[in-house]
Amino acid sequence: MRRAAANGSGVPADLDVLVEKIHRHAYKVTDEEIAALQATYGDDQLFEIIVSAALGASRRRLFAGLAALEEA
């Protein structure tokens, strides 16, 4: 599940919106969305999913920036 969250695809349907938001607009994630998922996933698992999605999103941006530098 961590790898799927990092890739931004392949997570269960109830996590799809959260992972997509983290990859595209992390600042739009609300406390209510997190609270709704805590009942199903618990704090530790949800933390790992969120961190994995954030790491995957930042990694994608890093590689895109490095590629742009190489092309310049």
Protein backbone atom coordinates (compact mmCIF):
# COMPACT_ATOMS: atom_id res chain seq x y z
CA MET A 1 0.00 0.00 0.00
CA ARG A 2 2.91 2.37 0.69
CA ARG A 3 4.25 1.86 -2.82
CA ALA A 4 0.81 2.41 -4.35
CA ALA A 5 0.37 5.63 -2.36
CA ALA A 6 3.80 6.82 -3.48
CA ASN A 7 2.92 6.07 -7.10
CA GLY A 8 -0.44 7.78 -6.74
CA SER A 9 -2.44 4.83 -8.05
CA GLY A 10 -3.58 1.41 -6.98
CA VAL A 11 -4.77 2.32 -3.49
CA PRO A 12 -8.18 1.22 -2.21
CA ALA A 13 -11.07 3.35 -3.44
CA ASP A 14 -11.63 5.02 -0.06
CA LEU A 15 -8.03 6.29 -0.07
CA ASP A 16 -7.96 7.35 -3.70
CA VAL A 17 -9.25 10.89 -3.10
CA LEU A 18 -6.78 11.51 -0.27
CA VAL A 19 -3.78 10.19 -2.18
CA GLU A 20 -4.76 12.15 -5.29
CA LYS A 21 -5.09 15.35 -3.24
CA ILE A 22 -1.71 14.82 -1.66
CA HIS A 23 -0.12 14.34 -5.06
CA ARG A 24 -1.79 17.37 -6.63
CA HIS A 25 -2.88 19.84 -3.91
CA ALA A 26 -1.77 18.68 -0.47
CA TYR A 27 -2.88 21.93 1.14
CA LYS A 28 -6.49 21.07 0.32
CA VAL A 29 -6.60 17.98 2.57
CA THR A 30 -9.01 18.63 5.45
CA ASP A 31 -9.13 17.40 9.01
CA GLU A 32 -12.54 15.91 8.30
CA GLU A 33 -11.15 13.74 5.51
CA ILE A 34 -8.43 12.43 7.78
CA ALA A 35 -10.86 11.81 10.65
CA ALA A 36 -13.18 9.83 8.38
CA LEU A 37 -10.32 7.55 7.32
CA GLN A 38 -8.92 7.10 10.84
CA ALA A 39 -11.81 4.84 11.77
CA THR A 40 -10.84 2.41 9.02
CA TYR A 41 -7.06 2.65 8.92
CA GLY A 42 -5.96 3.88 12.33
CA ASP A 43 -3.35 6.51 13.07
CA ASP A 44 -0.19 4.54 12.28
CA GLN A 45 -1.33 3.10 8.96
CA LEU A 46 -2.85 6.40 7.84
CA PHE A 47 0.37 8.21 8.76
CA GLU A 48 2.38 5.80 6.60
CA ILE A 49 -0.02 6.27 3.68
CA ILE A 50 0.16 10.07 3.93
CA VAL A 51 3.96 10.13 4.21
CA SER A 52 4.32 7.68 1.31
CA ALA A 53 2.04 9.77 -0.90
CA ALA A 54 3.92 12.96 0.00
CA LEU A 55 7.29 11.33 -0.64
CA GLY A 56 6.11 9.96 -3.98
CA ALA A 57 4.77 13.35 -5.03
CA SER A 58 7.98 15.13 -4.06
CA ARG A 59 10.08 12.49 -5.80
CA ARG A 60 8.08 12.92 -9.01
CA ARG A 61 8.64 16.68 -8.86
CA LEU A 62 12.35 16.22 -8.17
CA PHE A 63 12.81 13.96 -11.18
CA ALA A 64 10.84 16.34 -13.40
CA GLY A 65 13.07 19.23 -12.26
CA LEU A 66 16.26 17.26 -12.83
CA ALA A 67 15.06 16.25 -16.29
CA ALA A 68 14.33 19.89 -17.11
CA LEU A 69 17.82 20.88 -15.99
CA GLU A 70 19.39 18.21 -18.17
CA GLU A 71 17.42 19.39 -21.19
CA ALA A 72 18.41 23.03 -20.64
